[in-house]
Amino acid sequence: MTIGIDIDDTLVQTNKRALEIIKDEKLADDITYYEQLENLSDFIHKYFVEIVYTSELYDGAKEVLEWIHSNGHKIIFVTSRAYQSGADTEEDTIKYLKDNHIQYDNIYLRTPDKLDVCLKEKIDIFIDDKEKTLIPLSESGVRCIKIMSHEEGPSKFETVSCWKEIKDLLSEN
């Protein structure tokens, strides 16, 4: 089985770290998602590399990825990261994954449209935090799992709140 996984707010707590910086720097009040910032491109340019290096992995993510690999499945990261204007985080992302001993088979950065990669890599299951990302994947036959982060509300996809639940869903196959 080949499993595609987003990085920001799926593997790592990007929004949480960005909001900490926004609060510390007094850049905005009452926002719940960093992409709501009026001057987002300036924020990305100034802080995104720091966010890449200092965002924490979600609890259990590393262990579940190790379990996925030990069961003979492929892990492909597919992220729009490094696509943001003013931040070239490709090398930083790869270094972060290496420094945190995250196992994976391939990585695609600068990929806002994830469907092409999913089809090319024959991804069976895709895990992401954004409903809008999962819709075209699902319509193309990819099983989608939505991990809850900043988006709230009902989802048409299998929904989990943590990586342990992802392992439970994958164990059922």
N, C-alpha and C. Protein backbone atom coordinates (compact mmCIF):
# COMPACT_ATOMS: atom_id res chain seq x y z
N MET A 1 0.85 -1.18 0.00
CA MET A 1 0.00 0.00 0.00
C MET A 1 0.90 1.24 0.00
N THR A 2 0.46 2.25 -0.70
CA THR A 2 1.19 3.52 -0.75
C THR A 2 0.34 4.60 -0.07
N ILE A 3 0.93 5.25 0.90
CA ILE A 3 0.21 6.24 1.70
C ILE A 3 0.81 7.61 1.46
N GLY A 4 -0.02 8.54 1.01
CA GLY A 4 0.38 9.92 0.82
C GLY A 4 0.02 10.73 2.05
N ILE A 5 0.91 11.62 2.43
CA ILE A 5 0.71 12.39 3.66
C ILE A 5 1.13 13.84 3.43
N ASP A 6 0.26 14.75 3.81
CA ASP A 6 0.58 16.18 3.84
C ASP A 6 1.53 16.42 5.02
N ILE A 7 2.20 17.55 5.04
CA ILE A 7 3.11 17.86 6.15
C ILE A 7 2.50 18.88 7.11
N ASP A 8 2.18 20.08 6.62
CA ASP A 8 1.73 21.15 7.50
C ASP A 8 0.35 20.86 8.07
N ASP A 9 0.27 20.86 9.39
CA ASP A 9 -0.95 20.62 10.15
C ASP A 9 -1.52 19.22 9.94
N THR A 10 -0.67 18.34 9.42
CA THR A 10 -1.00 16.91 9.34
C THR A 10 0.08 16.12 10.06
N LEU A 11 1.33 16.34 9.69
CA LEU A 11 2.46 15.72 10.37
C LEU A 11 3.00 16.62 11.48
N VAL A 12 3.12 17.91 11.17
CA VAL A 12 3.66 18.87 12.14
C VAL A 12 2.64 19.97 12.45
N GLN A 13 2.77 20.54 13.62
CA GLN A 13 1.82 21.54 14.12
C GLN A 13 2.21 22.95 13.66
N THR A 14 2.12 23.16 12.37
CA THR A 14 2.53 24.41 11.75
C THR A 14 1.69 25.59 12.25
N ASN A 15 0.38 25.43 12.20
CA ASN A 15 -0.49 26.55 12.60
C ASN A 15 -0.26 26.93 14.06
N LYS A 16 -0.12 25.95 14.92
CA LYS A 16 0.12 26.23 16.34
C LYS A 16 1.38 27.07 16.51
N ARG A 17 2.45 26.69 15.84
CA ARG A 17 3.71 27.44 15.97
C ARG A 17 3.59 28.83 15.36
N ALA A 18 2.94 28.92 14.20
CA ALA A 18 2.76 30.22 13.56
C ALA A 18 1.95 31.15 14.45
N LEU A 19 0.89 30.64 15.07
CA LEU A 19 0.07 31.47 15.95
C LEU A 19 0.85 31.93 17.18
N GLU A 20 1.77 31.09 17.66
CA GLU A 20 2.61 31.52 18.78
C GLU A 20 3.48 32.72 18.37
N ILE A 21 4.04 32.66 17.19
CA ILE A 21 4.86 33.77 16.69
C ILE A 21 4.00 35.01 16.47
N ILE A 22 2.84 34.83 15.89
CA ILE A 22 1.93 35.96 15.65
C ILE A 22 1.57 36.64 16.96
N LYS A 23 1.30 35.84 17.98
CA LYS A 23 0.96 36.40 19.29
C LYS A 23 2.19 37.10 19.91
N ASP A 24 3.34 36.43 19.89
CA ASP A 24 4.57 37.01 20.48
C ASP A 24 4.96 38.32 19.80
N GLU A 25 4.79 38.38 18.49
CA GLU A 25 5.18 39.56 17.72
C GLU A 25 4.04 40.59 17.62
N LYS A 26 2.89 40.25 18.22
CA LYS A 26 1.72 41.13 18.20
C LYS A 26 1.34 41.55 16.77
N LEU A 27 1.25 40.54 15.89
CA LEU A 27 0.97 40.80 14.48
C LEU A 27 -0.53 40.82 14.16
N ALA A 28 -1.33 40.18 15.01
CA ALA A 28 -2.78 40.15 14.78
C ALA A 28 -3.47 39.65 16.03
N ASP A 29 -4.74 40.00 16.13
CA ASP A 29 -5.57 39.51 17.23
C ASP A 29 -6.67 38.63 16.67
N ASP A 30 -7.08 37.68 17.44
CA ASP A 30 -8.28 36.89 17.16
C ASP A 30 -8.28 36.17 15.83
N ILE A 31 -7.15 35.64 15.40
CA ILE A 31 -7.19 34.76 14.24
C ILE A 31 -6.92 33.34 14.72
N THR A 32 -7.47 32.38 14.00
CA THR A 32 -7.30 30.99 14.39
C THR A 32 -6.44 30.21 13.41
N TYR A 33 -6.12 30.84 12.28
CA TYR A 33 -5.31 30.17 11.27
C TYR A 33 -4.37 31.21 10.66
N TYR A 34 -3.09 30.90 10.63
CA TYR A 34 -2.10 31.90 10.22
C TYR A 34 -2.32 32.43 8.80
N GLU A 35 -2.92 31.63 7.93
CA GLU A 35 -3.15 32.11 6.57
C GLU A 35 -4.21 33.20 6.49
N GLN A 36 -4.83 33.53 7.62
CA GLN A 36 -5.79 34.64 7.68
C GLN A 36 -5.10 36.00 7.81
N LEU A 37 -3.79 36.00 8.02
CA LEU A 37 -3.06 37.26 8.17
C LEU A 37 -3.20 38.12 6.90
N GLU A 38 -3.40 39.40 7.12
CA GLU A 38 -3.50 40.33 5.98
C GLU A 38 -2.21 40.38 5.18
N ASN A 39 -1.09 40.41 5.85
CA ASN A 39 0.22 40.48 5.18
C ASN A 39 0.91 39.11 5.23
N LEU A 40 0.19 38.10 4.75
CA LEU A 40 0.68 36.72 4.83
C LEU A 40 2.03 36.54 4.13
N SER A 41 2.20 37.09 2.95
CA SER A 41 3.47 36.87 2.24
C SER A 41 4.66 37.45 3.00
N ASP A 42 4.48 38.60 3.65
CA ASP A 42 5.55 39.17 4.48
C ASP A 42 5.86 38.26 5.67
N PHE A 43 4.80 37.73 6.29
CA PHE A 43 4.96 36.82 7.43
C PHE A 43 5.71 35.56 6.99
N ILE A 44 5.30 34.99 5.87
CA ILE A 44 5.95 33.78 5.36
C ILE A 44 7.43 34.07 5.08
N HIS A 45 7.69 35.17 4.42
CA HIS A 45 9.06 35.52 4.08
C HIS A 45 9.94 35.65 5.33
N LYS A 46 9.38 36.26 6.36
CA LYS A 46 10.17 36.53 7.56
C LYS A 46 10.26 35.34 8.51
N TYR A 47 9.19 34.55 8.64
CA TYR A 47 9.14 33.56 9.72
C TYR A 47 9.03 32.10 9.29
N PHE A 48 8.77 31.80 8.02
CA PHE A 48 8.42 30.42 7.72
C PHE A 48 9.56 29.43 7.92
N VAL A 49 10.79 29.82 7.66
CA VAL A 49 11.89 28.90 7.92
C VAL A 49 11.97 28.58 9.41
N GLU A 50 11.79 29.59 10.25
CA GLU A 50 11.76 29.35 11.70
C GLU A 50 10.61 28.40 12.05
N ILE A 51 9.46 28.61 11.44
CA ILE A 51 8.31 27.74 11.70
C ILE A 51 8.62 26.31 11.28
N VAL A 52 9.27 26.15 10.13
CA VAL A 52 9.62 24.81 9.65
C VAL A 52 10.47 24.08 10.69
N TYR A 53 11.46 24.76 11.26
CA TYR A 53 12.38 24.11 12.20
C TYR A 53 11.82 23.95 13.60
N THR A 54 10.84 24.76 13.97
CA THR A 54 10.41 24.74 15.38
C THR A 54 9.00 24.20 15.58
N SER A 55 8.31 23.83 14.52
CA SER A 55 6.99 23.20 14.68
C SER A 55 7.18 21.78 15.20
N GLU A 56 6.36 21.41 16.15
CA GLU A 56 6.46 20.08 16.74
C GLU A 56 5.69 19.07 15.90
N LEU A 57 6.20 17.84 15.89
CA LEU A 57 5.45 16.74 15.31
C LEU A 57 4.19 16.51 16.14
N TYR A 58 3.14 16.04 15.50
CA TYR A 58 1.96 15.64 16.26
C TYR A 58 2.31 14.40 17.08
N ASP A 59 1.73 14.29 18.25
CA ASP A 59 1.96 13.14 19.12
C ASP A 59 1.68 11.85 18.37
N GLY A 60 2.63 10.95 18.45
CA GLY A 60 2.47 9.62 17.85
C GLY A 60 2.77 9.54 16.37
N ALA A 61 2.99 10.66 15.69
CA ALA A 61 3.21 10.63 14.24
C ALA A 61 4.43 9.80 13.87
N LYS A 62 5.53 10.04 14.53
CA LYS A 62 6.76 9.32 14.20
C LYS A 62 6.58 7.81 14.39
N GLU A 63 5.96 7.44 15.49
CA GLU A 63 5.77 6.02 15.79
C GLU A 63 4.85 5.35 14.76
N VAL A 64 3.81 6.05 14.36
CA VAL A 64 2.89 5.49 13.36
C VAL A 64 3.59 5.37 12.01
N LEU A 65 4.39 6.35 11.64
CA LEU A 65 5.15 6.26 10.38
C LEU A 65 6.11 5.07 10.42
N GLU A 66 6.76 4.86 11.55
CA GLU A 66 7.65 3.69 11.70
C GLU A 66 6.86 2.40 11.56
N TRP A 67 5.66 2.36 12.14
CA TRP A 67 4.79 1.19 12.05
C TRP A 67 4.38 0.95 10.59
N ILE A 68 4.01 2.02 9.89
CA ILE A 68 3.63 1.90 8.47
C ILE A 68 4.78 1.28 7.68
N HIS A 69 5.99 1.80 7.86
CA HIS A 69 7.15 1.28 7.14
C HIS A 69 7.44 -0.16 7.51
N SER A 70 7.36 -0.47 8.80
CA SER A 70 7.68 -1.83 9.25
C SER A 70 6.68 -2.86 8.71
N ASN A 71 5.52 -2.39 8.28
CA ASN A 71 4.52 -3.28 7.68
C ASN A 71 4.61 -3.29 6.16
N GLY A 72 5.70 -2.74 5.61
CA GLY A 72 5.98 -2.85 4.19
C GLY A 72 5.27 -1.84 3.30
N HIS A 73 4.70 -0.80 3.87
CA HIS A 73 3.99 0.20 3.08
C HIS A 73 4.92 1.37 2.74
N LYS A 74 4.62 2.05 1.64
CA LYS A 74 5.39 3.21 1.22
C LYS A 74 4.76 4.49 1.78
N ILE A 75 5.61 5.44 2.13
CA ILE A 75 5.17 6.75 2.60
C ILE A 75 5.68 7.80 1.62
N ILE A 76 4.74 8.58 1.09
CA ILE A 76 5.08 9.66 0.17
C ILE A 76 4.53 10.96 0.76
N PHE A 77 5.40 11.91 1.07
CA PHE A 77 4.94 13.22 1.52
C PHE A 77 4.63 14.07 0.29
N VAL A 78 3.45 14.69 0.31
CA VAL A 78 3.02 15.57 -0.77
C VAL A 78 2.52 16.85 -0.12
N THR A 79 3.22 17.94 -0.36
CA THR A 79 2.93 19.18 0.34
C THR A 79 3.08 20.38 -0.57
N SER A 80 2.31 21.40 -0.32
CA SER A 80 2.50 22.65 -1.05
C SER A 80 3.60 23.48 -0.40
N ARG A 81 4.13 23.01 0.70
CA ARG A 81 5.23 23.70 1.38
C ARG A 81 6.34 23.99 0.37
N ALA A 82 6.96 25.10 0.55
CA ALA A 82 8.00 25.63 -0.33
C ALA A 82 7.37 26.30 -1.55
N TYR A 83 6.06 26.30 -1.62
CA TYR A 83 5.33 26.98 -2.69
C TYR A 83 5.00 28.41 -2.26
N GLN A 84 5.05 28.66 -0.95
CA GLN A 84 4.70 29.97 -0.42
C GLN A 84 5.66 31.03 -0.95
N SER A 85 5.10 32.16 -1.29
CA SER A 85 5.90 33.27 -1.80
C SER A 85 6.87 33.76 -0.73
N GLY A 86 8.11 33.86 -1.10
CA GLY A 86 9.10 34.44 -0.19
C GLY A 86 9.78 33.44 0.73
N ALA A 87 9.45 32.17 0.62
CA ALA A 87 10.09 31.19 1.50
C ALA A 87 10.45 29.95 0.70
N ASP A 88 11.73 29.66 0.59
CA ASP A 88 12.17 28.45 -0.07
C ASP A 88 12.59 27.48 1.02
N THR A 89 11.68 26.62 1.38
CA THR A 89 11.90 25.75 2.54
C THR A 89 12.17 24.30 2.17
N GLU A 90 12.50 24.04 0.92
CA GLU A 90 12.72 22.65 0.49
C GLU A 90 13.84 21.98 1.29
N GLU A 91 15.02 22.58 1.29
CA GLU A 91 16.13 21.99 2.04
C GLU A 91 15.84 21.95 3.53
N ASP A 92 15.17 22.98 4.04
CA ASP A 92 14.84 23.03 5.47
C ASP A 92 13.88 21.90 5.85
N THR A 93 12.92 21.63 4.98
CA THR A 93 11.95 20.57 5.25
C THR A 93 12.65 19.21 5.28
N ILE A 94 13.49 18.95 4.31
CA ILE A 94 14.20 17.67 4.25
C ILE A 94 15.13 17.51 5.46
N LYS A 95 15.79 18.58 5.85
CA LYS A 95 16.65 18.54 7.03
C LYS A 95 15.83 18.26 8.29
N TYR A 96 14.67 18.91 8.42
CA TYR A 96 13.79 18.69 9.58
C TYR A 96 13.39 17.21 9.66
N LEU A 97 12.98 16.64 8.54
CA LEU A 97 12.57 15.23 8.53
C LEU A 97 13.75 14.33 8.92
N LYS A 98 14.92 14.63 8.38
CA LYS A 98 16.11 13.84 8.71
C LYS A 98 16.48 13.99 10.19
N ASP A 99 16.50 15.22 10.68
CA ASP A 99 16.86 15.48 12.08
C ASP A 99 15.91 14.80 13.05
N ASN A 100 14.65 14.63 12.64
CA ASN A 100 13.64 14.00 13.49
C ASN A 100 13.46 12.51 13.18
N HIS A 101 14.34 11.98 12.34
CA HIS A 101 14.35 10.55 12.00
C HIS A 101 12.99 10.08 11.47
N ILE A 102 12.43 10.89 10.57
CA ILE A 102 11.14 10.56 9.97
C ILE A 102 11.39 9.73 8.71
N GLN A 103 10.80 8.54 8.69
CA GLN A 103 10.96 7.64 7.55
C GLN A 103 9.98 7.99 6.45
N TYR A 104 10.47 7.99 5.22
CA TYR A 104 9.59 8.18 4.07
C TYR A 104 10.31 7.66 2.83
N ASP A 105 9.55 7.43 1.77
CA ASP A 105 10.11 6.90 0.53
C ASP A 105 10.32 7.97 -0.53
N ASN A 106 9.48 9.00 -0.50
CA ASN A 106 9.61 10.07 -1.48
C ASN A 106 8.94 11.31 -0.93
N ILE A 107 9.30 12.46 -1.46
CA ILE A 107 8.69 13.71 -1.03
C ILE A 107 8.50 14.61 -2.24
N TYR A 108 7.33 15.23 -2.30
CA TYR A 108 7.02 16.21 -3.34
C TYR A 108 6.69 17.52 -2.63
N LEU A 109 7.49 18.52 -2.92
CA LEU A 109 7.25 19.86 -2.39
C LEU A 109 6.74 20.74 -3.51
N ARG A 110 6.23 21.91 -3.13
CA ARG A 110 5.70 22.86 -4.13
C ARG A 110 4.58 22.22 -4.95
N THR A 111 3.70 21.50 -4.28
CA THR A 111 2.65 20.75 -4.96
C THR A 111 1.28 21.14 -4.42
N PRO A 112 0.77 22.31 -4.82
CA PRO A 112 -0.55 22.70 -4.32
C PRO A 112 -1.67 21.81 -4.87
N ASP A 113 -1.49 21.24 -6.07
CA ASP A 113 -2.45 20.30 -6.63
C ASP A 113 -1.89 18.90 -6.45
N LYS A 114 -2.42 18.19 -5.48
CA LYS A 114 -1.84 16.91 -5.08
C LYS A 114 -2.33 15.73 -5.92
N LEU A 115 -3.36 15.96 -6.73
CA LEU A 115 -3.95 14.87 -7.50
C LEU A 115 -2.95 14.24 -8.46
N ASP A 116 -2.20 15.04 -9.20
CA ASP A 116 -1.25 14.49 -10.18
C ASP A 116 -0.24 13.56 -9.51
N VAL A 117 0.27 13.96 -8.35
CA VAL A 117 1.23 13.12 -7.63
C VAL A 117 0.56 11.83 -7.16
N CYS A 118 -0.65 11.95 -6.65
CA CYS A 118 -1.36 10.76 -6.17
C CYS A 118 -1.56 9.75 -7.29
N LEU A 119 -1.89 10.23 -8.46
CA LEU A 119 -2.08 9.34 -9.60
C LEU A 119 -0.74 8.75 -10.06
N LYS A 120 0.29 9.60 -10.16
CA LYS A 120 1.61 9.15 -10.59
C LYS A 120 2.19 8.09 -9.66
N GLU A 121 2.05 8.31 -8.35
CA GLU A 121 2.63 7.42 -7.35
C GLU A 121 1.69 6.27 -6.96
N LYS A 122 0.49 6.26 -7.56
CA LYS A 122 -0.51 5.23 -7.25
C LYS A 122 -0.80 5.17 -5.74
N ILE A 123 -1.05 6.35 -5.18
CA ILE A 123 -1.34 6.46 -3.76
C ILE A 123 -2.71 5.87 -3.46
N ASP A 124 -2.74 4.97 -2.49
CA ASP A 124 -3.97 4.29 -2.09
C ASP A 124 -4.75 5.10 -1.07
N ILE A 125 -4.03 5.69 -0.13
CA ILE A 125 -4.64 6.45 0.97
C ILE A 125 -3.91 7.77 1.09
N PHE A 126 -4.67 8.85 1.27
CA PHE A 126 -4.05 10.15 1.48
C PHE A 126 -4.56 10.75 2.78
N ILE A 127 -3.64 11.30 3.57
CA ILE A 127 -3.96 11.91 4.86
C ILE A 127 -3.64 13.39 4.78
N ASP A 128 -4.65 14.23 5.09
CA ASP A 128 -4.49 15.69 4.99
C ASP A 128 -5.43 16.34 5.99
N ASP A 129 -5.18 17.61 6.26
CA ASP A 129 -6.02 18.36 7.19
C ASP A 129 -7.05 19.22 6.48
N LYS A 130 -7.00 19.31 5.16
CA LYS A 130 -7.89 20.22 4.45
C LYS A 130 -8.91 19.46 3.61
N GLU A 131 -10.15 19.74 3.87
CA GLU A 131 -11.26 19.12 3.14
C GLU A 131 -11.12 19.38 1.63
N LYS A 132 -10.83 20.62 1.25
CA LYS A 132 -10.77 20.97 -0.18
C LYS A 132 -9.67 20.22 -0.91
N THR A 133 -8.62 19.84 -0.22
CA THR A 133 -7.55 19.05 -0.84
C THR A 133 -8.01 17.63 -1.10
N LEU A 134 -8.79 17.09 -0.17
CA LEU A 134 -9.18 15.68 -0.26
C LEU A 134 -10.27 15.42 -1.29
N ILE A 135 -11.10 16.41 -1.59
CA ILE A 135 -12.23 16.19 -2.49
C ILE A 135 -11.80 15.64 -3.85
N PRO A 136 -10.88 16.30 -4.59
CA PRO A 136 -10.51 15.74 -5.90
C PRO A 136 -9.80 14.38 -5.80
N LEU A 137 -9.09 14.16 -4.72
CA LEU A 137 -8.41 12.88 -4.54
C LEU A 137 -9.45 11.77 -4.38
N SER A 138 -10.42 12.03 -3.54
CA SER A 138 -11.50 11.07 -3.31
C SER A 138 -12.26 10.77 -4.61
N GLU A 139 -12.54 11.81 -5.37
CA GLU A 139 -13.26 11.65 -6.63
C GLU A 139 -12.47 10.81 -7.63
N SER A 140 -11.15 10.72 -7.44
CA SER A 140 -10.31 9.91 -8.32
C SER A 140 -10.04 8.52 -7.75
N GLY A 141 -10.70 8.18 -6.67
CA GLY A 141 -10.59 6.84 -6.12
C GLY A 141 -9.60 6.66 -4.99
N VAL A 142 -8.97 7.72 -4.54
CA VAL A 142 -8.03 7.64 -3.41
C VAL A 142 -8.84 7.64 -2.12
N ARG A 143 -8.55 6.71 -1.23
CA ARG A 143 -9.19 6.72 0.09
C ARG A 143 -8.59 7.88 0.87
N CYS A 144 -9.44 8.71 1.45
CA CYS A 144 -8.98 9.92 2.13
C CYS A 144 -9.29 9.86 3.62
N ILE A 145 -8.30 10.28 4.39
CA ILE A 145 -8.45 10.40 5.84
C ILE A 145 -8.14 11.84 6.19
N LYS A 146 -9.06 12.47 6.89
CA LYS A 146 -8.86 13.85 7.31
C LYS A 146 -8.47 13.88 8.78
N ILE A 147 -7.32 14.49 9.04
CA ILE A 147 -6.90 14.69 10.43
C ILE A 147 -7.35 16.09 10.84
N MET A 148 -7.99 16.18 11.98
CA MET A 148 -8.52 17.46 12.42
C MET A 148 -7.39 18.34 12.94
N SER A 149 -7.41 19.58 12.49
CA SER A 149 -6.46 20.57 13.00
C SER A 149 -7.21 21.88 13.15
N HIS A 150 -6.97 22.83 12.27
CA HIS A 150 -7.63 24.14 12.40
C HIS A 150 -9.02 24.16 11.78
N GLU A 151 -9.30 23.29 10.83
CA GLU A 151 -10.63 23.23 10.21
C GLU A 151 -11.58 22.48 11.13
N GLU A 152 -12.68 23.07 11.39
CA GLU A 152 -13.68 22.42 12.24
C GLU A 152 -14.93 22.14 11.43
N GLY A 153 -15.81 21.37 12.01
CA GLY A 153 -17.07 21.07 11.34
C GLY A 153 -17.08 19.68 10.75
N PRO A 154 -18.21 19.30 10.21
CA PRO A 154 -18.35 17.95 9.67
C PRO A 154 -17.50 17.76 8.41
N SER A 155 -17.14 16.52 8.18
CA SER A 155 -16.35 16.17 7.00
C SER A 155 -17.01 14.99 6.31
N LYS A 156 -16.86 14.91 5.02
CA LYS A 156 -17.39 13.76 4.28
C LYS A 156 -16.40 12.61 4.26
N PHE A 157 -15.25 12.79 4.89
CA PHE A 157 -14.20 11.79 4.89
C PHE A 157 -14.06 11.13 6.25
N GLU A 158 -13.37 9.98 6.27
CA GLU A 158 -13.01 9.39 7.55
C GLU A 158 -12.20 10.43 8.29
N THR A 159 -12.56 10.69 9.53
CA THR A 159 -11.92 11.78 10.27
C THR A 159 -11.29 11.23 11.55
N VAL A 160 -10.09 11.70 11.81
CA VAL A 160 -9.36 11.30 13.02
C VAL A 160 -8.89 12.55 13.75
N SER A 161 -8.64 12.39 15.03
CA SER A 161 -8.15 13.53 15.80
C SER A 161 -6.68 13.37 16.19
N CYS A 162 -6.12 12.18 15.92
CA CYS A 162 -4.72 11.96 16.30
C CYS A 162 -4.13 10.82 15.46
N TRP A 163 -2.84 10.68 15.53
CA TRP A 163 -2.14 9.67 14.75
C TRP A 163 -2.44 8.26 15.21
N LYS A 164 -2.73 8.07 16.48
CA LYS A 164 -3.11 6.73 16.95
C LYS A 164 -4.36 6.25 16.22
N GLU A 165 -5.30 7.15 15.99
CA GLU A 165 -6.52 6.78 15.26
C GLU A 165 -6.20 6.44 13.80
N ILE A 166 -5.19 7.08 13.23
CA ILE A 166 -4.77 6.74 11.87
C ILE A 166 -4.26 5.28 11.86
N LYS A 167 -3.44 4.96 12.84
CA LYS A 167 -2.93 3.58 12.93
C LYS A 167 -4.08 2.60 13.07
N ASP A 168 -5.06 2.94 13.90
CA ASP A 168 -6.22 2.04 14.07
C ASP A 168 -6.95 1.83 12.74
N LEU A 169 -7.15 2.91 11.98
CA LEU A 169 -7.83 2.79 10.69
C LEU A 169 -7.01 1.94 9.72
N LEU A 170 -5.71 2.16 9.68
CA LEU A 170 -4.85 1.40 8.77
C LEU A 170 -4.74 -0.06 9.18
N SER A 171 -4.84 -0.34 10.47
CA SER A 171 -4.76 -1.72 10.98
C SER A 171 -5.98 -2.53 10.54
N GLU A 172 -7.08 -1.85 10.25
CA GLU A 172 -8.30 -2.53 9.84
C GLU A 172 -8.19 -3.10 8.44
N ASN A 173 -7.24 -2.61 7.63
CA ASN A 173 -7.11 -3.06 6.23
C ASN A 173 -6.53 -4.45 6.14
